[in-house]
Amino acid sequence: MKTAISIPDNVFQDAEALARKLKKSRSELYSRAVREYVARYSTDGVTEALDSLYADGAAADEFTKTAARRTLRRSEW
């Protein structure tokens, strides 16, 4: 899909330089960037993955439970 967006000149220049460095097209760079941004802020996927993991009983051992509790205590929700 084609779309038009407006971004600051300095962001565009940085993106162009990165695309050249990575040997990627501008479209691929922007597509990957947006995909990563959406994934970062989409909590549904994380919740679904954790629900699936615990439903299967894969995380039932005591070490994993303890590590999960410690991680959750340090995480900001």
PDB file of N, CA and C in Angstrom:
ATOM      1  N   MET A   1       0.845  -1.172   0.000  1.00  0.00           N
ATOM      2  CA  MET A   1       0.000   0.000   0.000  1.00  0.00           C
ATOM      3  C   MET A   1       0.891   1.235   0.000  1.00  0.00           C
ATOM      4  N   LYS A   2       0.527   2.179  -0.766  1.00  0.00           N
ATOM      5  CA  LYS A   2       1.264   3.439  -0.788  1.00  0.00           C
ATOM      6  C   LYS A   2       0.582   4.415   0.144  1.00  0.00           C
ATOM      7  N   THR A   3       1.411   5.232   0.797  1.00  0.00           N
ATOM      8  CA  THR A   3       0.886   6.257   1.683  1.00  0.00           C
ATOM      9  C   THR A   3       1.835   7.445   1.684  1.00  0.00           C
ATOM     10  N   ALA A   4       1.336   8.588   2.038  1.00  0.00           N
ATOM     11  CA  ALA A   4       2.175   9.787   2.130  1.00  0.00           C
ATOM     12  C   ALA A   4       2.171  10.264   3.577  1.00  0.00           C
ATOM     13  N   ILE A   5       3.353  10.569   4.085  1.00  0.00           N
ATOM     14  CA  ILE A   5       3.464  11.076   5.449  1.00  0.00           C
ATOM     15  C   ILE A   5       4.388  12.284   5.452  1.00  0.00           C
ATOM     16  N   SER A   6       4.296  13.081   6.487  1.00  0.00           N
ATOM     17  CA  SER A   6       5.196  14.218   6.656  1.00  0.00           C
ATOM     18  C   SER A   6       6.057  13.961   7.877  1.00  0.00           C
ATOM     19  N   ILE A   7       7.358  14.111   7.701  1.00  0.00           N
ATOM     20  CA  ILE A   7       8.291  13.950   8.818  1.00  0.00           C
ATOM     21  C   ILE A   7       9.310  15.087   8.756  1.00  0.00           C
ATOM     22  N   PRO A   8       9.916  15.395   9.899  1.00  0.00           N
ATOM     23  CA  PRO A   8      10.931  16.453   9.901  1.00  0.00           C
ATOM     24  C   PRO A   8      12.109  16.102   8.988  1.00  0.00           C
ATOM     25  N   ASP A   9      12.720  17.113   8.406  1.00  0.00           N
ATOM     26  CA  ASP A   9      13.841  16.903   7.486  1.00  0.00           C
ATOM     27  C   ASP A   9      14.969  16.088   8.116  1.00  0.00           C
ATOM     28  N   ASN A  10      15.299  16.380   9.379  1.00  0.00           N
ATOM     29  CA  ASN A  10      16.412  15.670  10.009  1.00  0.00           C
ATOM     30  C   ASN A  10      16.097  14.184  10.202  1.00  0.00           C
ATOM     31  N   VAL A  11      14.843  13.840  10.479  1.00  0.00           N
ATOM     32  CA  VAL A  11      14.458  12.432  10.613  1.00  0.00           C
ATOM     33  C   VAL A  11      14.570  11.743   9.253  1.00  0.00           C
ATOM     34  N   PHE A  12      14.116  12.428   8.212  1.00  0.00           N
ATOM     35  CA  PHE A  12      14.218  11.881   6.864  1.00  0.00           C
ATOM     36  C   PHE A  12      15.673  11.630   6.484  1.00  0.00           C
ATOM     37  N   GLN A  13      16.534  12.591   6.752  1.00  0.00           N
ATOM     38  CA  GLN A  13      17.956  12.447   6.417  1.00  0.00           C
ATOM     39  C   GLN A  13      18.596  11.290   7.181  1.00  0.00           C
ATOM     40  N   ASP A  14      18.262  11.173   8.474  1.00  0.00           N
ATOM     41  CA  ASP A  14      18.790  10.058   9.265  1.00  0.00           C
ATOM     42  C   ASP A  14      18.297   8.719   8.725  1.00  0.00           C
ATOM     43  N   ALA A  15      17.035   8.673   8.335  1.00  0.00           N
ATOM     44  CA  ALA A  15      16.466   7.439   7.788  1.00  0.00           C
ATOM     45  C   ALA A  15      17.118   7.080   6.459  1.00  0.00           C
ATOM     46  N   GLU A  16      17.346   8.064   5.630  1.00  0.00           N
ATOM     47  CA  GLU A  16      18.007   7.826   4.343  1.00  0.00           C
ATOM     48  C   GLU A  16      19.410   7.252   4.562  1.00  0.00           C
ATOM     49  N   ALA A  17      20.136   7.836   5.499  1.00  0.00           N
ATOM     50  CA  ALA A  17      21.495   7.366   5.784  1.00  0.00           C
ATOM     51  C   ALA A  17      21.472   5.935   6.310  1.00  0.00           C
ATOM     52  N   LEU A  18      20.526   5.640   7.183  1.00  0.00           N
ATOM     53  CA  LEU A  18      20.416   4.290   7.735  1.00  0.00           C
ATOM     54  C   LEU A  18      20.035   3.285   6.650  1.00  0.00           C
ATOM     55  N   ALA A  19      19.113   3.652   5.788  1.00  0.00           N
ATOM     56  CA  ALA A  19      18.707   2.756   4.700  1.00  0.00           C
ATOM     57  C   ALA A  19      19.904   2.425   3.805  1.00  0.00           C
ATOM     58  N   ARG A  20      20.709   3.443   3.492  1.00  0.00           N
ATOM     59  CA  ARG A  20      21.913   3.191   2.673  1.00  0.00           C
ATOM     60  C   ARG A  20      22.879   2.270   3.414  1.00  0.00           C
ATOM     61  N   LYS A  21      23.085   2.542   4.687  1.00  0.00           N
ATOM     62  CA  LYS A  21      24.015   1.742   5.490  1.00  0.00           C
ATOM     63  C   LYS A  21      23.565   0.284   5.553  1.00  0.00           C
ATOM     64  N   LEU A  22      22.259   0.065   5.743  1.00  0.00           N
ATOM     65  CA  LEU A  22      21.714  -1.293   5.848  1.00  0.00           C
ATOM     66  C   LEU A  22      21.465  -1.936   4.490  1.00  0.00           C
ATOM     67  N   LYS A  23      21.638  -1.139   3.425  1.00  0.00           N
ATOM     68  CA  LYS A  23      21.365  -1.604   2.063  1.00  0.00           C
ATOM     69  C   LYS A  23      19.914  -2.082   1.918  1.00  0.00           C
ATOM     70  N   LYS A  24      19.023  -1.259   2.457  1.00  0.00           N
ATOM     71  CA  LYS A  24      17.586  -1.517   2.391  1.00  0.00           C
ATOM     72  C   LYS A  24      16.916  -0.362   1.656  1.00  0.00           C
ATOM     73  N   SER A  25      15.769  -0.642   1.090  1.00  0.00           N
ATOM     74  CA  SER A  25      15.013   0.438   0.459  1.00  0.00           C
ATOM     75  C   SER A  25      14.380   1.301   1.540  1.00  0.00           C
ATOM     76  N   ARG A  26      14.020   2.498   1.154  1.00  0.00           N
ATOM     77  CA  ARG A  26      13.337   3.394   2.092  1.00  0.00           C
ATOM     78  C   ARG A  26      12.032   2.752   2.563  1.00  0.00           C
ATOM     79  N   SER A  27      11.304   2.140   1.643  1.00  0.00           N
ATOM     80  CA  SER A  27      10.038   1.501   2.008  1.00  0.00           C
ATOM     81  C   SER A  27      10.241   0.396   3.035  1.00  0.00           C
ATOM     82  N   GLU A  28      11.276  -0.424   2.828  1.00  0.00           N
ATOM     83  CA  GLU A  28      11.528  -1.501   3.773  1.00  0.00           C
ATOM     84  C   GLU A  28      11.926  -0.953   5.136  1.00  0.00           C
ATOM     85  N   LEU A  29      12.746   0.084   5.155  1.00  0.00           N
ATOM     86  CA  LEU A  29      13.163   0.687   6.422  1.00  0.00           C
ATOM     87  C   LEU A  29      11.952   1.209   7.194  1.00  0.00           C
ATOM     88  N   TYR A  30      11.107   1.983   6.529  1.00  0.00           N
ATOM     89  CA  TYR A  30       9.931   2.544   7.202  1.00  0.00           C
ATOM     90  C   TYR A  30       8.964   1.448   7.634  1.00  0.00           C
ATOM     91  N   SER A  31       8.783   0.438   6.793  1.00  0.00           N
ATOM     92  CA  SER A  31       7.885  -0.660   7.132  1.00  0.00           C
ATOM     93  C   SER A  31       8.368  -1.393   8.379  1.00  0.00           C
ATOM     94  N   ARG A  32       9.661  -1.698   8.422  1.00  0.00           N
ATOM     95  CA  ARG A  32      10.219  -2.380   9.593  1.00  0.00           C
ATOM     96  C   ARG A  32      10.120  -1.516  10.844  1.00  0.00           C
ATOM     97  N   ALA A  33      10.389  -0.237  10.693  1.00  0.00           N
ATOM     98  CA  ALA A  33      10.329   0.672  11.840  1.00  0.00           C
ATOM     99  C   ALA A  33       8.913   0.734  12.415  1.00  0.00           C
ATOM    100  N   VAL A  34       7.936   0.856  11.557  1.00  0.00           N
ATOM    101  CA  VAL A  34       6.548   0.920  12.028  1.00  0.00           C
ATOM    102  C   VAL A  34       6.142  -0.412  12.651  1.00  0.00           C
ATOM    103  N   ARG A  35       6.553  -1.512  12.031  1.00  0.00           N
ATOM    104  CA  ARG A  35       6.237  -2.836  12.571  1.00  0.00           C
ATOM    105  C   ARG A  35       6.804  -2.996  13.986  1.00  0.00           C
ATOM    106  N   GLU A  36       8.049  -2.600  14.184  1.00  0.00           N
ATOM    107  CA  GLU A  36       8.663  -2.696  15.509  1.00  0.00           C
ATOM    108  C   GLU A  36       7.975  -1.778  16.515  1.00  0.00           C
ATOM    109  N   TYR A  37       7.615  -0.586  16.092  1.00  0.00           N
ATOM    110  CA  TYR A  37       6.937   0.359  16.967  1.00  0.00           C
ATOM    111  C   TYR A  37       5.576  -0.184  17.412  1.00  0.00           C
ATOM    112  N   VAL A  38       4.839  -0.735  16.467  1.00  0.00           N
ATOM    113  CA  VAL A  38       3.527  -1.312  16.789  1.00  0.00           C
ATOM    114  C   VAL A  38       3.688  -2.489  17.745  1.00  0.00           C
ATOM    115  N   ALA A  39       4.659  -3.336  17.488  1.00  0.00           N
ATOM    116  CA  ALA A  39       4.896  -4.491  18.367  1.00  0.00           C
ATOM    117  C   ALA A  39       5.265  -4.046  19.773  1.00  0.00           C
ATOM    118  N   ARG A  40       6.054  -3.010  19.877  1.00  0.00           N
ATOM    119  CA  ARG A  40       6.478  -2.516  21.189  1.00  0.00           C
ATOM    120  C   ARG A  40       5.291  -2.034  22.018  1.00  0.00           C
ATOM    121  N   TYR A  41       4.335  -1.399  21.380  1.00  0.00           N
ATOM    122  CA  TYR A  41       3.209  -0.821  22.105  1.00  0.00           C
ATOM    123  C   TYR A  41       1.952  -1.682  22.083  1.00  0.00           C
ATOM    124  N   SER A  42       2.030  -2.851  21.501  1.00  0.00           N
ATOM    125  CA  SER A  42       0.899  -3.761  21.470  1.00  0.00           C
ATOM    126  C   SER A  42       1.065  -4.789  22.583  1.00  0.00           C
ATOM    127  N   THR A  43       0.344  -4.600  23.665  1.00  0.00           N
ATOM    128  CA  THR A  43       0.461  -5.511  24.804  1.00  0.00           C
ATOM    129  C   THR A  43      -0.356  -6.777  24.609  1.00  0.00           C
ATOM    130  N   ASP A  44      -1.305  -6.773  23.692  1.00  0.00           N
ATOM    131  CA  ASP A  44      -2.141  -7.951  23.476  1.00  0.00           C
ATOM    132  C   ASP A  44      -1.316  -9.163  23.083  1.00  0.00           C
ATOM    133  N   GLY A  45      -0.345  -8.972  22.216  1.00  0.00           N
ATOM    134  CA  GLY A  45       0.493 -10.078  21.777  1.00  0.00           C
ATOM    135  C   GLY A  45       1.289 -10.687  22.906  1.00  0.00           C
ATOM    136  N   VAL A  46       1.798  -9.856  23.790  1.00  0.00           N
ATOM    137  CA  VAL A  46       2.557 -10.341  24.941  1.00  0.00           C
ATOM    138  C   VAL A  46       1.644 -11.127  25.865  1.00  0.00           C
ATOM    139  N   THR A  47       0.483 -10.576  26.145  1.00  0.00           N
ATOM    140  CA  THR A  47      -0.467 -11.247  27.025  1.00  0.00           C
ATOM    141  C   THR A  47      -0.895 -12.587  26.447  1.00  0.00           C
ATOM    142  N   GLU A  48      -1.191 -12.621  25.155  1.00  0.00           N
ATOM    143  CA  GLU A  48      -1.594 -13.874  24.512  1.00  0.00           C
ATOM    144  C   GLU A  48      -0.481 -14.909  24.566  1.00  0.00           C
ATOM    145  N   ALA A  49       0.747 -14.482  24.339  1.00  0.00           N
ATOM    146  CA  ALA A  49       1.874 -15.413  24.380  1.00  0.00           C
ATOM    147  C   ALA A  49       2.067 -15.985  25.771  1.00  0.00           C
ATOM    148  N   LEU A  50       1.968 -15.134  26.783  1.00  0.00           N
ATOM    149  CA  LEU A  50       2.113 -15.611  28.163  1.00  0.00           C
ATOM    150  C   LEU A  50       0.952 -16.515  28.559  1.00  0.00           C
ATOM    151  N   ASP A  51      -0.258 -16.150  28.170  1.00  0.00           N
ATOM    152  CA  ASP A  51      -1.420 -16.994  28.468  1.00  0.00           C
ATOM    153  C   ASP A  51      -1.248 -18.379  27.848  1.00  0.00           C
ATOM    154  N   SER A  52      -0.787 -18.398  26.601  1.00  0.00           N
ATOM    155  CA  SER A  52      -0.576 -19.665  25.917  1.00  0.00           C
ATOM    156  C   SER A  52       0.503 -20.494  26.603  1.00  0.00           C
ATOM    157  N   LEU A  53       1.566 -19.845  27.002  1.00  0.00           N
ATOM    158  CA  LEU A  53       2.662 -20.533  27.674  1.00  0.00           C
ATOM    159  C   LEU A  53       2.194 -21.179  28.972  1.00  0.00           C
ATOM    160  N   TYR A  54       1.463 -20.429  29.768  1.00  0.00           N
ATOM    161  CA  TYR A  54       1.001 -20.960  31.052  1.00  0.00           C
ATOM    162  C   TYR A  54      -0.120 -21.982  30.882  1.00  0.00           C
ATOM    163  N   ALA A  55      -0.926 -21.836  29.853  1.00  0.00           N
ATOM    164  CA  ALA A  55      -2.001 -22.798  29.611  1.00  0.00           C
ATOM    165  C   ALA A  55      -1.438 -24.168  29.265  1.00  0.00           C
ATOM    166  N   ASP A  56      -0.301 -24.174  28.582  1.00  0.00           N
ATOM    167  CA  ASP A  56       0.337 -25.439  28.204  1.00  0.00           C
ATOM    168  C   ASP A  56       1.113 -26.064  29.353  1.00  0.00           C
ATOM    169  N   GLY A  57       1.277 -25.330  30.435  1.00  0.00           N
ATOM    170  CA  GLY A  57       2.025 -25.844  31.578  1.00  0.00           C
ATOM    171  C   GLY A  57       3.523 -25.810  31.374  1.00  0.00           C
ATOM    172  N   ALA A  58       3.991 -25.110  30.349  1.00  0.00           N
ATOM    173  CA  ALA A  58       5.423 -25.077  30.046  1.00  0.00           C
ATOM    174  C   ALA A  58       6.217 -24.290  31.075  1.00  0.00           C
ATOM    175  N   ALA A  59       5.562 -23.421  31.815  1.00  0.00           N
ATOM    176  CA  ALA A  59       6.272 -22.580  32.776  1.00  0.00           C
ATOM    177  C   ALA A  59       5.918 -22.964  34.202  1.00  0.00           C
ATOM    178  N   ALA A  60       5.678 -24.223  34.443  1.00  0.00           N
ATOM    179  CA  ALA A  60       5.194 -24.662  35.752  1.00  0.00           C
ATOM    180  C   ALA A  60       6.312 -24.909  36.768  1.00  0.00           C
ATOM    181  N   ASP A  61       7.572 -24.964  36.345  1.00  0.00           N
ATOM    182  CA  ASP A  61       8.616 -25.268  37.312  1.00  0.00           C
ATOM    183  C   ASP A  61       8.855 -24.085  38.259  1.00  0.00           C
ATOM    184  N   GLU A  62       9.382 -24.359  39.417  1.00  0.00           N
ATOM    185  CA  GLU A  62       9.536 -23.358  40.474  1.00  0.00           C
ATOM    186  C   GLU A  62      10.504 -22.238  40.078  1.00  0.00           C
ATOM    187  N   PHE A  63      11.576 -22.579  39.391  1.00  0.00           N
ATOM    188  CA  PHE A  63      12.529 -21.555  38.959  1.00  0.00           C
ATOM    189  C   PHE A  63      11.836 -20.517  38.084  1.00  0.00           C
ATOM    190  N   THR A  64      11.057 -20.982  37.130  1.00  0.00           N
ATOM    191  CA  THR A  64      10.380 -20.079  36.210  1.00  0.00           C
ATOM    192  C   THR A  64       9.365 -19.213  36.936  1.00  0.00           C
ATOM    193  N   LYS A  65       8.626 -19.792  37.876  1.00  0.00           N
ATOM    194  CA  LYS A  65       7.651 -19.014  38.649  1.00  0.00           C
ATOM    195  C   LYS A  65       8.346 -17.910  39.447  1.00  0.00           C
ATOM    196  N   THR A  66       9.450 -18.260  40.088  1.00  0.00           N
ATOM    197  CA  THR A  66      10.180 -17.286  40.896  1.00  0.00           C
ATOM    198  C   THR A  66      10.752 -16.178  40.019  1.00  0.00           C
ATOM    199  N   ALA A  67      11.338 -16.549  38.895  1.00  0.00           N
ATOM    200  CA  ALA A  67      11.898 -15.554  37.975  1.00  0.00           C
ATOM    201  C   ALA A  67      10.803 -14.635  37.439  1.00  0.00           C
ATOM    202  N   ALA A  68       9.662 -15.194  37.123  1.00  0.00           N
ATOM    203  CA  ALA A  68       8.542 -14.386  36.614  1.00  0.00           C
ATOM    204  C   ALA A  68       8.062 -13.399  37.662  1.00  0.00           C
ATOM    205  N   ARG A  69       7.940 -13.857  38.908  1.00  0.00           N
ATOM    206  CA  ARG A  69       7.510 -12.949  39.989  1.00  0.00           C
ATOM    207  C   ARG A  69       8.494 -11.800  40.158  1.00  0.00           C
ATOM    208  N   ARG A  70       9.779 -12.104  40.152  1.00  0.00           N
ATOM    209  CA  ARG A  70      10.801 -11.056  40.310  1.00  0.00           C
ATOM    210  C   ARG A  70      10.748 -10.060  39.158  1.00  0.00           C
ATOM    211  N   THR A  71      10.588 -10.572  37.965  1.00  0.00           N
ATOM    212  CA  THR A  71      10.519  -9.698  36.795  1.00  0.00           C
ATOM    213  C   THR A  71       9.293  -8.805  36.862  1.00  0.00           C
ATOM    214  N   LEU A  72       8.162  -9.366  37.236  1.00  0.00           N
ATOM    215  CA  LEU A  72       6.932  -8.578  37.314  1.00  0.00           C
ATOM    216  C   LEU A  72       7.019  -7.497  38.388  1.00  0.00           C
ATOM    217  N   ARG A  73       7.683  -7.793  39.501  1.00  0.00           N
ATOM    218  CA  ARG A  73       7.841  -6.788  40.560  1.00  0.00           C
ATOM    219  C   ARG A  73       8.655  -5.595  40.064  1.00  0.00           C
ATOM    220  N   ARG A  74       9.627  -5.849  39.200  1.00  0.00           N
ATOM    221  CA  ARG A  74      10.487  -4.768  38.700  1.00  0.00           C
ATOM    222  C   ARG A  74       9.888  -4.055  37.495  1.00  0.00           C
ATOM    223  N   SER A  75       8.842  -4.598  36.918  1.00  0.00           N
ATOM    224  CA  SER A  75       8.247  -4.019  35.710  1.00  0.00           C
ATOM    225  C   SER A  75       7.188  -2.989  36.067  1.00  0.00           C
ATOM    226  N   GLU A  76       7.141  -1.938  35.263  1.00  0.00           N
ATOM    227  CA  GLU A  76       6.098  -0.942  35.426  1.00  0.00           C
ATOM    228  C   GLU A  76       4.914  -1.309  34.545  1.00  0.00           C
ATOM    229  N   TRP A  77       3.756  -1.425  35.091  1.00  0.00           N
ATOM    230  CA  TRP A  77       2.562  -1.819  34.335  1.00  0.00           C
ATOM    231  C   TRP A  77       1.748  -0.629  34.030  1.00  0.00           C
TER     232      TRP A  77
END
